[in-house]
C-alpha atoms as a PDB file:
ATOM      1  CA  MET A   1       2.522 -13.948  -6.641  1.00  0.00           C
ATOM      2  CA  LEU A   2       2.383 -11.280  -3.956  1.00  0.00           C
ATOM      3  CA  SER A   3       6.171 -10.980  -3.976  1.00  0.00           C
ATOM      4  CA  VAL A   4       6.018 -10.301  -7.727  1.00  0.00           C
ATOM      5  CA  ALA A   5       3.434  -7.565  -7.104  1.00  0.00           C
ATOM      6  CA  ASP A   6       5.644  -6.153  -4.328  1.00  0.00           C
ATOM      7  CA  ASN A   7       8.687  -6.027  -6.594  1.00  0.00           C
ATOM      8  CA  LEU A   8       6.775  -4.346  -9.424  1.00  0.00           C
ATOM      9  CA  GLY A   9       5.477  -1.806  -6.904  1.00  0.00           C
ATOM     10  CA  ARG A  10       9.011  -1.124  -5.658  1.00  0.00           C
ATOM     11  CA  ALA A  11      10.237  -0.652  -9.219  1.00  0.00           C
ATOM     12  CA  LEU A  12       7.445   1.828  -9.946  1.00  0.00           C
ATOM     13  CA  SER A  13       7.995   3.755  -6.708  1.00  0.00           C
ATOM     14  CA  ALA A  14      11.690   4.187  -7.572  1.00  0.00           C
ATOM     15  CA  LEU A  15      10.882   6.003 -10.820  1.00  0.00           C
ATOM     16  CA  PRO A  16      11.584   9.728 -11.167  1.00  0.00           C
ATOM     17  CA  ALA A  17       8.543  11.984 -10.818  1.00  0.00           C
ATOM     18  CA  ASP A  18       9.174  13.668 -14.181  1.00  0.00           C
ATOM     19  CA  LEU A  19       9.099  10.928 -16.819  1.00  0.00           C
ATOM     20  CA  GLU A  20       9.383  13.491 -19.635  1.00  0.00           C
ATOM     21  CA  SER A  21      13.057  14.008 -18.753  1.00  0.00           C
ATOM     22  CA  VAL A  22      13.794  10.268 -19.073  1.00  0.00           C
ATOM     23  CA  ASP A  23      15.381   8.837 -22.220  1.00  0.00           C
ATOM     24  CA  PRO A  24      12.618   7.704 -24.650  1.00  0.00           C
ATOM     25  CA  ALA A  25      13.904   4.109 -24.760  1.00  0.00           C
ATOM     26  CA  LEU A  26      13.831   3.887 -20.970  1.00  0.00           C
ATOM     27  CA  ARG A  27      10.397   5.515 -20.938  1.00  0.00           C
ATOM     28  CA  ASN A  28       9.102   2.604 -23.069  1.00  0.00           C
ATOM     29  CA  VAL A  29      10.451   0.136 -20.507  1.00  0.00           C
ATOM     30  CA  ILE A  30       8.699   2.096 -17.749  1.00  0.00           C
ATOM     31  CA  VAL A  31       5.406   2.038 -19.671  1.00  0.00           C
ATOM     32  CA  GLY A  32       5.810  -1.741 -20.009  1.00  0.00           C
ATOM     33  CA  ILE A  33       6.404  -2.162 -16.264  1.00  0.00           C
ATOM     34  CA  GLN A  34       3.334  -0.027 -15.508  1.00  0.00           C
ATOM     35  CA  ALA A  35       1.211  -2.126 -17.879  1.00  0.00           C
ATOM     36  CA  THR A  36       2.506  -5.344 -16.314  1.00  0.00           C
ATOM     37  CA  ASP A  37       1.650  -4.061 -12.838  1.00  0.00           C
ATOM     38  CA  ARG A  38      -1.890  -3.106 -13.925  1.00  0.00           C
ATOM     39  CA  GLU A  39      -2.409  -6.522 -15.524  1.00  0.00           C
ATOM     40  CA  LEU A  40      -1.126  -8.374 -12.441  1.00  0.00           C
ATOM     41  CA  GLN A  41      -3.433  -6.352 -10.167  1.00  0.00           C
ATOM     42  CA  SER A  42      -6.328  -7.104 -12.530  1.00  0.00           C
ATOM     43  CA  VAL A  43      -5.610 -10.851 -12.474  1.00  0.00           C
ATOM     44  CA  LEU A  44      -5.345 -10.834  -8.674  1.00  0.00           C
ATOM     45  CA  GLU A  45      -8.684  -9.016  -8.379  1.00  0.00           C
ATOM     46  CA  ARG A  46     -10.359 -11.463 -10.773  1.00  0.00           C
ATOM     47  CA  HIS A  47      -9.333 -14.226  -8.367  1.00  0.00           C
ATOM     48  CA  GLY A  48     -10.700 -12.393  -5.315  1.00  0.00           C
ATOM     49  CA  VAL A  49      -7.403 -10.896  -4.113  1.00  0.00           C
ATOM     50  CA  LYS A  50      -7.655  -7.215  -3.196  1.00  0.00           C
ATOM     51  CA  ARG A  51      -5.106  -4.836  -1.780  1.00  0.00           C
ATOM     52  CA  VAL A  52      -5.751  -3.424   1.695  1.00  0.00           C
ATOM     53  CA  GLU A  53      -5.771   0.383   1.571  1.00  0.00           C
ATOM     54  CA  SER A  54      -3.878   1.396   4.692  1.00  0.00           C
ATOM     55  CA  LEU A  55      -2.584   4.964   4.350  1.00  0.00           C
ATOM     56  CA  GLY A  56      -4.598   7.440   6.371  1.00  0.00           C
ATOM     57  CA  GLN A  57      -6.661   4.677   7.989  1.00  0.00           C
ATOM     58  CA  PRO A  58      -6.772   4.001  11.736  1.00  0.00           C
ATOM     59  CA  PHE A  59      -4.427   1.186  12.738  1.00  0.00           C
ATOM     60  CA  ASN A  60      -6.335  -2.092  12.758  1.00  0.00           C
ATOM     61  CA  PRO A  61      -4.475  -5.125  14.169  1.00  0.00           C
ATOM     62  CA  GLU A  62      -6.729  -7.401  12.122  1.00  0.00           C
ATOM     63  CA  PHE A  63      -5.311  -5.972   8.869  1.00  0.00           C
ATOM     64  CA  HIS A  64      -2.066  -4.176   9.800  1.00  0.00           C
ATOM     65  CA  GLN A  65       1.239  -5.155  11.349  1.00  0.00           C
ATOM     66  CA  ALA A  66       2.911  -2.156  12.998  1.00  0.00           C
ATOM     67  CA  MET A  67       6.609  -2.040  12.144  1.00  0.00           C
ATOM     68  CA  MET A  68       7.346   1.300  13.814  1.00  0.00           C
ATOM     69  CA  GLU A  69       5.844   4.427  15.334  1.00  0.00           C
ATOM     70  CA  VAL A  70       6.466   7.859  13.834  1.00  0.00           C
ATOM     71  CA  GLU A  71       6.125  11.234  15.596  1.00  0.00           C
ATOM     72  CA  ASP A  72       3.493  13.093  13.588  1.00  0.00           C
ATOM     73  CA  PRO A  73       1.340  15.561  15.516  1.00  0.00           C
ATOM     74  CA  SER A  74      -0.500  16.535  12.299  1.00  0.00           C
ATOM     75  CA  VAL A  75      -2.595  13.327  12.299  1.00  0.00           C
ATOM     76  CA  PRO A  76      -4.464  11.508  15.058  1.00  0.00           C
ATOM     77  CA  ALA A  77      -2.426   9.014  17.058  1.00  0.00           C
ATOM     78  CA  GLY A  78      -2.887   5.505  15.713  1.00  0.00           C
ATOM     79  CA  THR A  79      -3.212   6.573  12.071  1.00  0.00           C
ATOM     80  CA  VAL A  80      -1.260   4.636   9.439  1.00  0.00           C
ATOM     81  CA  VAL A  81       1.194   7.140   7.918  1.00  0.00           C
ATOM     82  CA  GLN A  82       3.451   4.846   5.882  1.00  0.00           C
ATOM     83  CA  GLU A  83       3.056   1.474   4.206  1.00  0.00           C
ATOM     84  CA  MET A  84       6.212  -0.582   3.793  1.00  0.00           C
ATOM     85  CA  ILE A  85       4.557  -3.687   2.347  1.00  0.00           C
ATOM     86  CA  PRO A  86       0.920  -3.750   1.218  1.00  0.00           C
ATOM     87  CA  GLY A  87      -1.575  -6.152   2.711  1.00  0.00           C
ATOM     88  CA  TYR A  88      -4.006  -8.276   0.739  1.00  0.00           C
ATOM     89  CA  LEU A  89      -7.416  -9.845   1.289  1.00  0.00           C
ATOM     90  CA  ILE A  90      -8.736 -12.894  -0.519  1.00  0.00           C
ATOM     91  CA  ALA A  91     -12.505 -13.258  -0.630  1.00  0.00           C
ATOM     92  CA  GLY A  92     -12.703 -10.747   2.243  1.00  0.00           C
ATOM     93  CA  ARG A  93     -10.285 -12.668   4.491  1.00  0.00           C
ATOM     94  CA  LEU A  94      -6.764 -11.593   5.351  1.00  0.00           C
ATOM     95  CA  LEU A  95      -4.147 -13.107   3.066  1.00  0.00           C
ATOM     96  CA  ARG A  96      -1.242 -10.946   4.258  1.00  0.00           C
ATOM     97  CA  ALA A  97      -1.202  -8.097   6.773  1.00  0.00           C
ATOM     98  CA  ALA A  98       0.079  -4.721   5.623  1.00  0.00           C
ATOM     99  CA  MET A  99       3.360  -3.739   7.275  1.00  0.00           C
ATOM    100  CA  VAL A 100       2.919  -0.133   8.330  1.00  0.00           C
ATOM    101  CA  ALA A 101       4.223   2.812  10.339  1.00  0.00           C
ATOM    102  CA  VAL A 102       1.750   4.311  12.798  1.00  0.00           C
ATOM    103  CA  ALA A 103       1.595   7.926  13.990  1.00  0.00           C
ATOM    104  CA  LYS A 104       2.068   8.806  17.634  1.00  0.00           C
ATOM    105  CA  GLY A 105       1.989  12.137  19.377  1.00  0.00           C
ATOM    106  CA  GLY A 106      -1.049  13.608  17.623  1.00  0.00           C
ATOM    107  CA  PRO A 107      -4.537  14.001  19.048  1.00  0.00           C
ATOM    108  CA  ALA A 108      -6.154  10.787  20.203  1.00  0.00           C
ATOM    109  CA  GLY A 109      -7.704   8.823  17.356  1.00  0.00           C
ATOM    110  CA  GLY A 110     -11.098   7.146  17.311  1.00  0.00           C
ATOM    111  CA  PRO A 111     -11.727   3.425  17.646  1.00  0.00           C
ATOM    112  CA  THR A 112      -8.944   1.340  16.159  1.00  0.00           C
ATOM    113  CA  ILE A 113     -10.944  -1.691  15.050  1.00  0.00           C
ATOM    114  CA  ARG A 114     -12.416  -0.707  11.679  1.00  0.00           C
ATOM    115  CA  PRO A 115     -12.124  -2.558   8.385  1.00  0.00           C
ATOM    116  CA  PRO A 116      -9.783  -0.848   5.900  1.00  0.00           C
ATOM    117  CA  SER A 117     -11.105   0.801   2.787  1.00  0.00           C
ATOM    118  CA  ASN A 118     -10.940  -1.487  -0.242  1.00  0.00           C
ATOM    119  CA  GLU A 119     -11.949   1.000  -2.914  1.00  0.00           C
ATOM    120  CA  ASN A 120      -9.316   0.081  -5.434  1.00  0.00           C
END
């Protein structure tokens, strides 16, 4: 099921920012994909599966898998700056780690072992 959620997320992230310029028939398809994504996320949450919010959080090896480091002096070192694949928790336990890019080169970050925000 997570791969279905991933693919819907990829489809939505590939959409143009200005949906008003899109053909009305295609816009209806986009609205359908958005509704399907919302419903899937709702069903997952009803069964105790929640997405790990990673962006802007300190890297936490208990919830994140670092795929690469990115030079970004504007954020503290060790901050998650990009999420390639979202992570998920089930009943508070890790189901799948988020695959992320972590900043390096900025000011030193705080402690790295903190639970991610799950306000979703």
